[in-house]
Amino acid sequence: MSMAKTDKILIMKFGGAAVKSAKNFSKIADLILERTSEYKKIAIVISAMGNMTDELISLAQEVNSHPPRREYDMLVSVGERVSIALLAMALAAKGREAVSYT
């Protein structure tokens, strides 16, 4: 007899060494898929890969030492958007539909 899935939302956070390279995204997808038998909904929070955020901050500083806040925020959020899109692709490669949000 299978257990009923909980209505609670599981939130999983991945950062640091877990997202250091694109090769790790398949393993992250496996960790997420292991929990799908327990939860109806899983939300993922993921950091930018490697030094991407630091590199984006440096680029902003090269262009403008006091960048407009909105544009700065748009720029430095790119790293997280790359990571979540790659993770959605890794899940799709394993047959699981996933949608990335910002």
N, C-alpha and C. Protein backbone atom coordinates (compact mmCIF):
# COMPACT_ATOMS: atom_id res chain seq x y z
N MET A 1 0.84 -1.17 0.00
CA MET A 1 0.00 0.00 0.00
C MET A 1 0.89 1.24 0.00
N SER A 2 0.65 2.16 -0.93
CA SER A 2 1.46 3.37 -0.99
C SER A 2 0.92 4.42 -0.03
N MET A 3 1.82 5.22 0.49
CA MET A 3 1.43 6.28 1.40
C MET A 3 0.86 7.45 0.61
N ALA A 4 -0.10 8.14 1.21
CA ALA A 4 -0.66 9.33 0.58
C ALA A 4 0.36 10.45 0.62
N LYS A 5 0.37 11.25 -0.42
CA LYS A 5 1.28 12.40 -0.45
C LYS A 5 0.72 13.51 0.43
N THR A 6 1.61 14.20 1.10
CA THR A 6 1.20 15.31 1.95
C THR A 6 0.85 16.53 1.10
N ASP A 7 -0.06 17.35 1.61
CA ASP A 7 -0.42 18.60 0.94
C ASP A 7 0.59 19.70 1.23
N LYS A 8 1.48 19.45 2.17
CA LYS A 8 2.50 20.45 2.49
C LYS A 8 3.44 20.61 1.31
N ILE A 9 4.03 21.79 1.21
CA ILE A 9 5.01 22.07 0.15
C ILE A 9 6.41 21.87 0.73
N LEU A 10 7.21 21.07 0.05
CA LEU A 10 8.61 20.89 0.43
C LEU A 10 9.43 21.94 -0.30
N ILE A 11 10.24 22.67 0.46
CA ILE A 11 11.14 23.65 -0.13
C ILE A 11 12.56 23.11 0.01
N MET A 12 13.25 22.98 -1.11
CA MET A 12 14.62 22.49 -1.13
C MET A 12 15.54 23.59 -1.64
N LYS A 13 16.67 23.79 -0.97
CA LYS A 13 17.62 24.84 -1.34
C LYS A 13 18.94 24.19 -1.74
N PHE A 14 19.47 24.63 -2.87
CA PHE A 14 20.76 24.13 -3.35
C PHE A 14 21.67 25.32 -3.65
N GLY A 15 22.89 25.24 -3.19
CA GLY A 15 23.86 26.31 -3.44
C GLY A 15 25.26 25.78 -3.21
N GLY A 16 26.22 26.67 -3.24
CA GLY A 16 27.60 26.30 -2.96
C GLY A 16 28.13 25.24 -3.91
N ALA A 17 28.78 24.22 -3.34
CA ALA A 17 29.40 23.16 -4.14
C ALA A 17 28.39 22.39 -4.97
N ALA A 18 27.13 22.34 -4.51
CA ALA A 18 26.10 21.58 -5.24
C ALA A 18 25.87 22.15 -6.64
N VAL A 19 26.06 23.45 -6.80
CA VAL A 19 25.82 24.08 -8.11
C VAL A 19 27.10 24.63 -8.72
N LYS A 20 28.21 24.06 -8.33
CA LYS A 20 29.51 24.54 -8.83
C LYS A 20 29.65 24.36 -10.33
N SER A 21 29.11 23.25 -10.86
CA SER A 21 29.21 23.03 -12.30
C SER A 21 27.93 22.41 -12.84
N ALA A 22 27.76 22.50 -14.14
CA ALA A 22 26.55 21.97 -14.79
C ALA A 22 26.44 20.46 -14.62
N LYS A 23 27.56 19.78 -14.42
CA LYS A 23 27.54 18.32 -14.24
C LYS A 23 26.74 17.90 -13.01
N ASN A 24 26.62 18.79 -12.03
CA ASN A 24 25.95 18.46 -10.78
C ASN A 24 24.42 18.50 -10.88
N PHE A 25 23.89 19.08 -11.93
CA PHE A 25 22.44 19.28 -12.00
C PHE A 25 21.67 17.97 -12.12
N SER A 26 22.25 16.96 -12.72
CA SER A 26 21.59 15.65 -12.81
C SER A 26 21.41 15.05 -11.42
N LYS A 27 22.43 15.17 -10.57
CA LYS A 27 22.34 14.65 -9.20
C LYS A 27 21.31 15.44 -8.38
N ILE A 28 21.28 16.75 -8.56
CA ILE A 28 20.28 17.56 -7.87
C ILE A 28 18.89 17.11 -8.29
N ALA A 29 18.70 16.89 -9.58
CA ALA A 29 17.40 16.41 -10.08
C ALA A 29 17.04 15.08 -9.43
N ASP A 30 18.01 14.18 -9.28
CA ASP A 30 17.75 12.89 -8.62
C ASP A 30 17.29 13.10 -7.18
N LEU A 31 17.94 14.01 -6.46
CA LEU A 31 17.55 14.29 -5.07
C LEU A 31 16.12 14.80 -4.99
N ILE A 32 15.75 15.64 -5.93
CA ILE A 32 14.38 16.17 -5.96
C ILE A 32 13.39 15.06 -6.27
N LEU A 33 13.70 14.26 -7.27
CA LEU A 33 12.79 13.18 -7.69
C LEU A 33 12.58 12.15 -6.58
N GLU A 34 13.58 11.94 -5.74
CA GLU A 34 13.44 11.02 -4.61
C GLU A 34 12.33 11.45 -3.66
N ARG A 35 12.03 12.73 -3.61
CA ARG A 35 11.03 13.26 -2.66
C ARG A 35 9.64 13.38 -3.27
N THR A 36 9.51 13.16 -4.56
CA THR A 36 8.20 13.35 -5.21
C THR A 36 7.16 12.32 -4.77
N SER A 37 7.59 11.21 -4.21
CA SER A 37 6.61 10.23 -3.72
C SER A 37 5.96 10.68 -2.42
N GLU A 38 6.58 11.64 -1.73
CA GLU A 38 6.08 12.12 -0.44
C GLU A 38 5.29 13.43 -0.54
N TYR A 39 5.62 14.26 -1.52
CA TYR A 39 5.06 15.61 -1.60
C TYR A 39 4.37 15.85 -2.93
N LYS A 40 3.20 16.52 -2.85
CA LYS A 40 2.48 16.89 -4.07
C LYS A 40 3.18 18.06 -4.75
N LYS A 41 3.76 18.94 -3.95
CA LYS A 41 4.42 20.13 -4.50
C LYS A 41 5.80 20.29 -3.87
N ILE A 42 6.76 20.59 -4.73
CA ILE A 42 8.13 20.85 -4.28
C ILE A 42 8.58 22.16 -4.92
N ALA A 43 9.08 23.07 -4.09
CA ALA A 43 9.63 24.33 -4.58
C ALA A 43 11.14 24.29 -4.39
N ILE A 44 11.86 24.73 -5.39
CA ILE A 44 13.32 24.70 -5.35
C ILE A 44 13.86 26.13 -5.35
N VAL A 45 14.81 26.37 -4.46
CA VAL A 45 15.56 27.62 -4.43
C VAL A 45 16.99 27.24 -4.77
N ILE A 46 17.56 27.92 -5.75
CA ILE A 46 18.90 27.53 -6.21
C ILE A 46 19.77 28.76 -6.43
N SER A 47 21.02 28.64 -6.05
CA SER A 47 21.97 29.74 -6.21
C SER A 47 22.60 29.72 -7.60
N ALA A 48 23.26 30.81 -7.91
CA ALA A 48 24.01 30.90 -9.16
C ALA A 48 25.20 29.95 -9.09
N MET A 49 25.65 29.51 -10.25
CA MET A 49 26.79 28.60 -10.34
C MET A 49 28.10 29.32 -10.06
N GLY A 50 28.98 28.65 -9.33
CA GLY A 50 30.34 29.13 -9.14
C GLY A 50 30.44 30.58 -8.72
N ASN A 51 31.25 31.34 -9.45
CA ASN A 51 31.49 32.76 -9.15
C ASN A 51 30.65 33.68 -10.01
N MET A 52 29.57 33.16 -10.59
CA MET A 52 28.80 33.95 -11.54
C MET A 52 28.31 35.28 -10.96
N THR A 53 27.78 35.26 -9.73
CA THR A 53 27.28 36.50 -9.14
C THR A 53 28.40 37.51 -8.97
N ASP A 54 29.55 37.07 -8.47
CA ASP A 54 30.70 37.97 -8.30
C ASP A 54 31.14 38.56 -9.64
N GLU A 55 31.14 37.74 -10.68
CA GLU A 55 31.53 38.21 -12.01
C GLU A 55 30.54 39.26 -12.53
N LEU A 56 29.26 39.04 -12.29
CA LEU A 56 28.24 40.00 -12.74
C LEU A 56 28.36 41.31 -11.98
N ILE A 57 28.64 41.24 -10.69
CA ILE A 57 28.84 42.45 -9.89
C ILE A 57 30.04 43.23 -10.41
N SER A 58 31.11 42.53 -10.73
CA SER A 58 32.31 43.19 -11.29
C SER A 58 32.00 43.88 -12.61
N LEU A 59 31.23 43.21 -13.45
CA LEU A 59 30.84 43.83 -14.73
C LEU A 59 30.05 45.11 -14.50
N ALA A 60 29.11 45.06 -13.56
CA ALA A 60 28.31 46.26 -13.27
C ALA A 60 29.21 47.40 -12.81
N GLN A 61 30.18 47.10 -11.95
CA GLN A 61 31.08 48.13 -11.43
C GLN A 61 31.96 48.72 -12.52
N GLU A 62 32.32 47.90 -13.52
CA GLU A 62 33.12 48.40 -14.64
C GLU A 62 32.34 49.42 -15.46
N VAL A 63 31.05 49.21 -15.58
CA VAL A 63 30.21 50.07 -16.40
C VAL A 63 29.76 51.31 -15.64
N ASN A 64 29.42 51.12 -14.35
CA ASN A 64 28.89 52.23 -13.56
C ASN A 64 29.13 51.92 -12.09
N SER A 65 29.90 52.76 -11.41
CA SER A 65 30.20 52.50 -10.00
C SER A 65 28.99 52.67 -9.09
N HIS A 66 27.94 53.33 -9.60
CA HIS A 66 26.68 53.49 -8.85
C HIS A 66 25.51 53.18 -9.79
N PRO A 67 25.37 51.92 -10.17
CA PRO A 67 24.34 51.57 -11.15
C PRO A 67 22.93 51.77 -10.60
N PRO A 68 21.97 52.04 -11.49
CA PRO A 68 20.58 52.13 -11.05
C PRO A 68 20.18 50.81 -10.38
N ARG A 69 19.50 50.89 -9.27
CA ARG A 69 19.19 49.71 -8.45
C ARG A 69 18.45 48.63 -9.23
N ARG A 70 17.44 49.02 -10.00
CA ARG A 70 16.66 48.03 -10.73
C ARG A 70 17.53 47.27 -11.72
N GLU A 71 18.36 48.00 -12.46
CA GLU A 71 19.21 47.36 -13.46
C GLU A 71 20.27 46.47 -12.81
N TYR A 72 20.78 46.92 -11.68
CA TYR A 72 21.73 46.10 -10.92
C TYR A 72 21.07 44.79 -10.48
N ASP A 73 19.87 44.90 -9.93
CA ASP A 73 19.13 43.71 -9.49
C ASP A 73 18.85 42.77 -10.66
N MET A 74 18.47 43.33 -11.80
CA MET A 74 18.22 42.51 -12.99
C MET A 74 19.49 41.76 -13.39
N LEU A 75 20.61 42.45 -13.37
CA LEU A 75 21.87 41.84 -13.78
C LEU A 75 22.29 40.72 -12.83
N VAL A 76 22.31 40.98 -11.54
CA VAL A 76 22.83 39.98 -10.61
C VAL A 76 21.89 38.79 -10.43
N SER A 77 20.64 38.92 -10.84
CA SER A 77 19.70 37.78 -10.75
C SER A 77 19.87 36.80 -11.91
N VAL A 78 20.66 37.17 -12.90
CA VAL A 78 20.86 36.30 -14.07
C VAL A 78 21.42 34.94 -13.66
N GLY A 79 22.34 34.91 -12.73
CA GLY A 79 22.96 33.65 -12.31
C GLY A 79 21.95 32.64 -11.79
N GLU A 80 21.03 33.10 -10.95
CA GLU A 80 20.00 32.21 -10.42
C GLU A 80 19.06 31.74 -11.52
N ARG A 81 18.78 32.62 -12.47
CA ARG A 81 17.89 32.24 -13.57
C ARG A 81 18.54 31.18 -14.46
N VAL A 82 19.84 31.29 -14.66
CA VAL A 82 20.56 30.26 -15.42
C VAL A 82 20.47 28.92 -14.69
N SER A 83 20.73 28.94 -13.39
CA SER A 83 20.72 27.70 -12.61
C SER A 83 19.36 27.02 -12.61
N ILE A 84 18.29 27.77 -12.40
CA ILE A 84 16.98 27.14 -12.33
C ILE A 84 16.54 26.63 -13.70
N ALA A 85 16.93 27.32 -14.77
CA ALA A 85 16.61 26.81 -16.11
C ALA A 85 17.36 25.51 -16.38
N LEU A 86 18.63 25.44 -15.98
CA LEU A 86 19.40 24.20 -16.16
C LEU A 86 18.80 23.06 -15.34
N LEU A 87 18.34 23.37 -14.13
CA LEU A 87 17.73 22.33 -13.30
C LEU A 87 16.42 21.84 -13.92
N ALA A 88 15.61 22.75 -14.45
CA ALA A 88 14.37 22.33 -15.12
C ALA A 88 14.70 21.43 -16.31
N MET A 89 15.78 21.74 -17.03
CA MET A 89 16.21 20.90 -18.15
C MET A 89 16.66 19.53 -17.66
N ALA A 90 17.39 19.49 -16.54
CA ALA A 90 17.85 18.21 -15.98
C ALA A 90 16.66 17.35 -15.55
N LEU A 91 15.65 17.96 -14.97
CA LEU A 91 14.44 17.22 -14.59
C LEU A 91 13.71 16.71 -15.82
N ALA A 92 13.62 17.54 -16.86
CA ALA A 92 12.97 17.12 -18.11
C ALA A 92 13.71 15.94 -18.73
N ALA A 93 15.03 15.94 -18.64
CA ALA A 93 15.82 14.83 -19.18
C ALA A 93 15.52 13.52 -18.47
N LYS A 94 14.99 13.63 -17.25
CA LYS A 94 14.62 12.45 -16.47
C LYS A 94 13.12 12.17 -16.54
N GLY A 95 12.43 12.86 -17.47
CA GLY A 95 11.01 12.61 -17.69
C GLY A 95 10.06 13.34 -16.76
N ARG A 96 10.54 14.32 -16.03
CA ARG A 96 9.70 15.06 -15.08
C ARG A 96 9.55 16.50 -15.54
N GLU A 97 8.32 16.93 -15.74
CA GLU A 97 8.07 18.31 -16.15
C GLU A 97 8.39 19.25 -14.99
N ALA A 98 9.04 20.34 -15.31
CA ALA A 98 9.37 21.36 -14.32
C ALA A 98 9.30 22.72 -14.99
N VAL A 99 8.93 23.72 -14.22
CA VAL A 99 8.82 25.09 -14.73
C VAL A 99 9.67 25.99 -13.84
N SER A 100 10.50 26.82 -14.46
CA SER A 100 11.32 27.74 -13.68
C SER A 100 10.59 29.07 -13.53
N TYR A 101 10.73 29.66 -12.36
CA TYR A 101 10.15 30.97 -12.06
C TYR A 101 11.24 31.89 -11.54
N THR A 102 11.01 33.19 -11.67
CA THR A 102 11.94 34.16 -11.10
C THR A 102 11.27 34.91 -9.99
